[in-house]
Amino acid sequence: MSYAERIGYDYPDSSSKTQSLEILDRYKYDLSTKEYDALYSSLCSHALENIYLNEKDILIGIAHLRNEMTLDEIVEIAKAS
C-alpha cells in the first residue's frame, strides 16, 4: 500500500512535538536520510508555531516526497479537512 493510499484513514490529532516525533520515528526505517531530515525539519518548523503534525500530515509529506501526490492534491485534502 502506498503512502498516499494510507491518507484516507482517520488519525487522531497530535498534541505535542514529542508525539509528532514518535509518529515520524515509526516510519524512520522506511525513509531515506534525506526524506527523514525533510520531514523532521517540517515537523520542527510547525511545532514552533504550536502546530503538531499528526500521522496523516506525516503520510502526506512522505507521499509528496516520493512523488505519489502533487501539491494540487495536497491542497484538495486540506480544503476537505
N, C-alpha and C. Protein backbone atom coordinates (compact mmCIF):
# COMPACT_ATOMS: atom_id res chain seq x y z
N MET A 1 0.84 -1.17 0.00
CA MET A 1 0.00 0.00 0.00
C MET A 1 0.90 1.24 0.00
N SER A 2 0.61 2.14 -0.90
CA SER A 2 1.41 3.36 -0.97
C SER A 2 1.06 4.28 0.20
N TYR A 3 1.92 5.25 0.41
CA TYR A 3 1.66 6.21 1.49
C TYR A 3 0.43 7.06 1.17
N ALA A 4 0.24 7.39 -0.09
CA ALA A 4 -0.93 8.17 -0.48
C ALA A 4 -2.22 7.42 -0.18
N GLU A 5 -2.22 6.11 -0.31
CA GLU A 5 -3.42 5.31 -0.03
C GLU A 5 -3.75 5.28 1.46
N ARG A 6 -2.77 5.42 2.30
CA ARG A 6 -2.98 5.38 3.76
C ARG A 6 -3.59 6.66 4.30
N ILE A 7 -3.61 7.71 3.51
CA ILE A 7 -4.07 9.02 3.97
C ILE A 7 -5.57 9.03 4.25
N GLY A 8 -6.32 8.18 3.60
CA GLY A 8 -7.77 8.18 3.74
C GLY A 8 -8.29 7.77 5.10
N TYR A 9 -7.47 7.20 5.94
CA TYR A 9 -7.89 6.78 7.27
C TYR A 9 -7.97 7.97 8.22
N ASP A 10 -8.74 7.82 9.28
CA ASP A 10 -8.81 8.86 10.31
C ASP A 10 -7.67 8.67 11.31
N TYR A 11 -7.01 9.75 11.60
CA TYR A 11 -5.90 9.72 12.56
C TYR A 11 -6.16 10.77 13.63
N PRO A 12 -5.86 10.46 14.87
CA PRO A 12 -6.05 11.45 15.94
C PRO A 12 -5.05 12.60 15.79
N ASP A 13 -5.45 13.75 16.31
CA ASP A 13 -4.55 14.90 16.31
C ASP A 13 -3.39 14.66 17.28
N SER A 14 -2.29 15.29 16.98
CA SER A 14 -1.13 15.26 17.87
C SER A 14 -1.21 16.48 18.78
N SER A 15 -0.77 16.31 20.01
CA SER A 15 -0.86 17.42 20.95
C SER A 15 0.49 17.94 21.41
N SER A 16 1.58 17.40 20.82
CA SER A 16 2.91 17.86 21.20
C SER A 16 3.93 17.51 20.12
N LYS A 17 5.05 18.19 20.19
CA LYS A 17 6.14 17.89 19.27
C LYS A 17 6.64 16.47 19.51
N THR A 18 6.71 16.08 20.76
CA THR A 18 7.18 14.73 21.10
C THR A 18 6.28 13.67 20.48
N GLN A 19 5.00 13.88 20.55
CA GLN A 19 4.06 12.93 19.96
C GLN A 19 4.24 12.87 18.44
N SER A 20 4.42 14.01 17.81
CA SER A 20 4.66 14.04 16.36
C SER A 20 5.95 13.31 16.00
N LEU A 21 6.98 13.51 16.80
CA LEU A 21 8.26 12.83 16.55
C LEU A 21 8.13 11.31 16.71
N GLU A 22 7.32 10.88 17.66
CA GLU A 22 7.09 9.44 17.84
C GLU A 22 6.43 8.85 16.60
N ILE A 23 5.51 9.58 16.01
CA ILE A 23 4.86 9.11 14.77
C ILE A 23 5.88 9.05 13.65
N LEU A 24 6.65 10.10 13.47
CA LEU A 24 7.67 10.13 12.42
C LEU A 24 8.65 8.98 12.60
N ASP A 25 9.04 8.71 13.83
CA ASP A 25 10.01 7.65 14.09
C ASP A 25 9.49 6.26 13.72
N ARG A 26 8.16 6.09 13.68
CA ARG A 26 7.59 4.80 13.22
C ARG A 26 7.94 4.52 11.77
N TYR A 27 8.15 5.58 11.00
CA TYR A 27 8.45 5.45 9.57
C TYR A 27 9.93 5.61 9.26
N LYS A 28 10.73 5.86 10.27
CA LYS A 28 12.15 6.20 10.10
C LYS A 28 12.89 5.21 9.21
N TYR A 29 12.65 3.93 9.42
CA TYR A 29 13.42 2.92 8.68
C TYR A 29 12.91 2.70 7.26
N ASP A 30 11.75 3.27 6.94
CA ASP A 30 11.23 3.22 5.57
C ASP A 30 11.70 4.42 4.75
N LEU A 31 12.30 5.39 5.42
CA LEU A 31 12.68 6.65 4.77
C LEU A 31 14.18 6.74 4.55
N SER A 32 14.53 7.45 3.49
CA SER A 32 15.95 7.76 3.31
C SER A 32 16.31 8.85 4.31
N THR A 33 17.58 9.06 4.51
CA THR A 33 18.04 10.11 5.42
C THR A 33 17.52 11.47 4.95
N LYS A 34 17.55 11.70 3.66
CA LYS A 34 17.09 12.98 3.11
C LYS A 34 15.59 13.17 3.37
N GLU A 35 14.79 12.12 3.17
CA GLU A 35 13.36 12.21 3.42
C GLU A 35 13.07 12.45 4.90
N TYR A 36 13.74 11.70 5.75
CA TYR A 36 13.55 11.85 7.19
C TYR A 36 13.92 13.27 7.63
N ASP A 37 15.05 13.76 7.17
CA ASP A 37 15.50 15.10 7.55
C ASP A 37 14.53 16.17 7.10
N ALA A 38 13.97 16.01 5.89
CA ALA A 38 13.00 16.99 5.38
C ALA A 38 11.74 16.99 6.23
N LEU A 39 11.25 15.82 6.59
CA LEU A 39 10.05 15.72 7.42
C LEU A 39 10.32 16.21 8.84
N TYR A 40 11.49 15.88 9.37
CA TYR A 40 11.87 16.34 10.71
C TYR A 40 11.92 17.87 10.75
N SER A 41 12.50 18.46 9.73
CA SER A 41 12.60 19.92 9.65
C SER A 41 11.20 20.55 9.59
N SER A 42 10.33 19.98 8.77
CA SER A 42 8.97 20.49 8.66
C SER A 42 8.24 20.36 9.99
N LEU A 43 8.39 19.22 10.63
CA LEU A 43 7.74 18.97 11.91
C LEU A 43 8.20 20.01 12.94
N CYS A 44 9.50 20.25 13.01
CA CYS A 44 10.04 21.21 13.98
C CYS A 44 9.59 22.64 13.66
N SER A 45 9.55 22.98 12.39
CA SER A 45 9.10 24.32 11.99
C SER A 45 7.65 24.55 12.39
N HIS A 46 6.82 23.56 12.15
CA HIS A 46 5.42 23.67 12.55
C HIS A 46 5.28 23.77 14.06
N ALA A 47 6.07 22.99 14.79
CA ALA A 47 5.99 22.98 16.25
C ALA A 47 6.33 24.34 16.84
N LEU A 48 7.18 25.11 16.19
CA LEU A 48 7.49 26.46 16.65
C LEU A 48 6.23 27.33 16.72
N GLU A 49 5.27 27.01 15.86
CA GLU A 49 4.01 27.76 15.82
C GLU A 49 2.90 27.02 16.58
N ASN A 50 3.28 26.03 17.39
CA ASN A 50 2.33 25.21 18.14
C ASN A 50 1.37 24.45 17.23
N ILE A 51 1.88 24.03 16.08
CA ILE A 51 1.14 23.18 15.16
C ILE A 51 1.85 21.84 15.15
N TYR A 52 1.14 20.80 15.53
CA TYR A 52 1.76 19.49 15.67
C TYR A 52 1.23 18.54 14.60
N LEU A 53 2.14 17.97 13.83
CA LEU A 53 1.75 17.10 12.73
C LEU A 53 1.24 15.77 13.26
N ASN A 54 0.09 15.33 12.73
CA ASN A 54 -0.40 14.02 13.11
C ASN A 54 0.05 13.00 12.04
N GLU A 55 -0.39 11.78 12.17
CA GLU A 55 0.07 10.74 11.25
C GLU A 55 -0.34 11.03 9.81
N LYS A 56 -1.54 11.57 9.62
CA LYS A 56 -1.99 11.90 8.27
C LYS A 56 -1.08 12.95 7.63
N ASP A 57 -0.70 13.97 8.39
CA ASP A 57 0.20 15.01 7.90
C ASP A 57 1.55 14.43 7.49
N ILE A 58 2.05 13.53 8.30
CA ILE A 58 3.35 12.91 8.00
C ILE A 58 3.25 12.01 6.77
N LEU A 59 2.15 11.27 6.65
CA LEU A 59 1.95 10.42 5.47
C LEU A 59 1.84 11.26 4.20
N ILE A 60 1.19 12.41 4.30
CA ILE A 60 1.10 13.32 3.15
C ILE A 60 2.51 13.79 2.77
N GLY A 61 3.31 14.13 3.76
CA GLY A 61 4.68 14.55 3.49
C GLY A 61 5.50 13.47 2.81
N ILE A 62 5.36 12.24 3.29
CA ILE A 62 6.09 11.13 2.68
C ILE A 62 5.62 10.92 1.25
N ALA A 63 4.31 10.91 1.07
CA ALA A 63 3.75 10.70 -0.28
C ALA A 63 4.22 11.78 -1.24
N HIS A 64 4.28 13.01 -0.76
CA HIS A 64 4.75 14.11 -1.62
C HIS A 64 6.23 13.95 -1.96
N LEU A 65 7.03 13.63 -0.97
CA LEU A 65 8.47 13.44 -1.22
C LEU A 65 8.74 12.30 -2.20
N ARG A 66 7.85 11.32 -2.21
CA ARG A 66 8.02 10.17 -3.09
C ARG A 66 7.23 10.30 -4.39
N ASN A 67 6.76 11.51 -4.66
CA ASN A 67 6.03 11.82 -5.88
C ASN A 67 4.78 10.96 -6.07
N GLU A 68 4.15 10.60 -4.96
CA GLU A 68 2.88 9.88 -5.01
C GLU A 68 1.71 10.86 -5.04
N MET A 69 1.98 12.13 -4.71
CA MET A 69 0.95 13.17 -4.67
C MET A 69 1.52 14.47 -5.20
N THR A 70 0.64 15.24 -5.82
CA THR A 70 1.03 16.57 -6.28
C THR A 70 0.61 17.60 -5.23
N LEU A 71 1.12 18.79 -5.37
CA LEU A 71 0.72 19.87 -4.46
C LEU A 71 -0.77 20.17 -4.60
N ASP A 72 -1.30 20.06 -5.81
CA ASP A 72 -2.73 20.29 -6.01
C ASP A 72 -3.57 19.28 -5.23
N GLU A 73 -3.14 18.04 -5.20
CA GLU A 73 -3.84 17.01 -4.44
C GLU A 73 -3.77 17.30 -2.94
N ILE A 74 -2.65 17.78 -2.49
CA ILE A 74 -2.49 18.12 -1.08
C ILE A 74 -3.41 19.29 -0.71
N VAL A 75 -3.51 20.27 -1.59
CA VAL A 75 -4.39 21.40 -1.35
C VAL A 75 -5.85 20.93 -1.27
N GLU A 76 -6.23 19.99 -2.13
CA GLU A 76 -7.60 19.47 -2.10
C GLU A 76 -7.89 18.75 -0.78
N ILE A 77 -6.92 18.01 -0.27
CA ILE A 77 -7.09 17.34 1.01
C ILE A 77 -7.25 18.37 2.12
N ALA A 78 -6.44 19.43 2.07
CA ALA A 78 -6.52 20.48 3.08
C ALA A 78 -7.86 21.19 3.04
N LYS A 79 -8.39 21.42 1.85
CA LYS A 79 -9.68 22.08 1.71
C LYS A 79 -10.80 21.21 2.27
N ALA A 80 -10.68 19.91 2.12
CA ALA A 80 -11.72 18.99 2.57
C ALA A 80 -11.71 18.81 4.09
N SER A 81 -10.60 19.17 4.73
CA SER A 81 -10.49 18.97 6.18
C SER A 81 -11.17 20.05 6.96
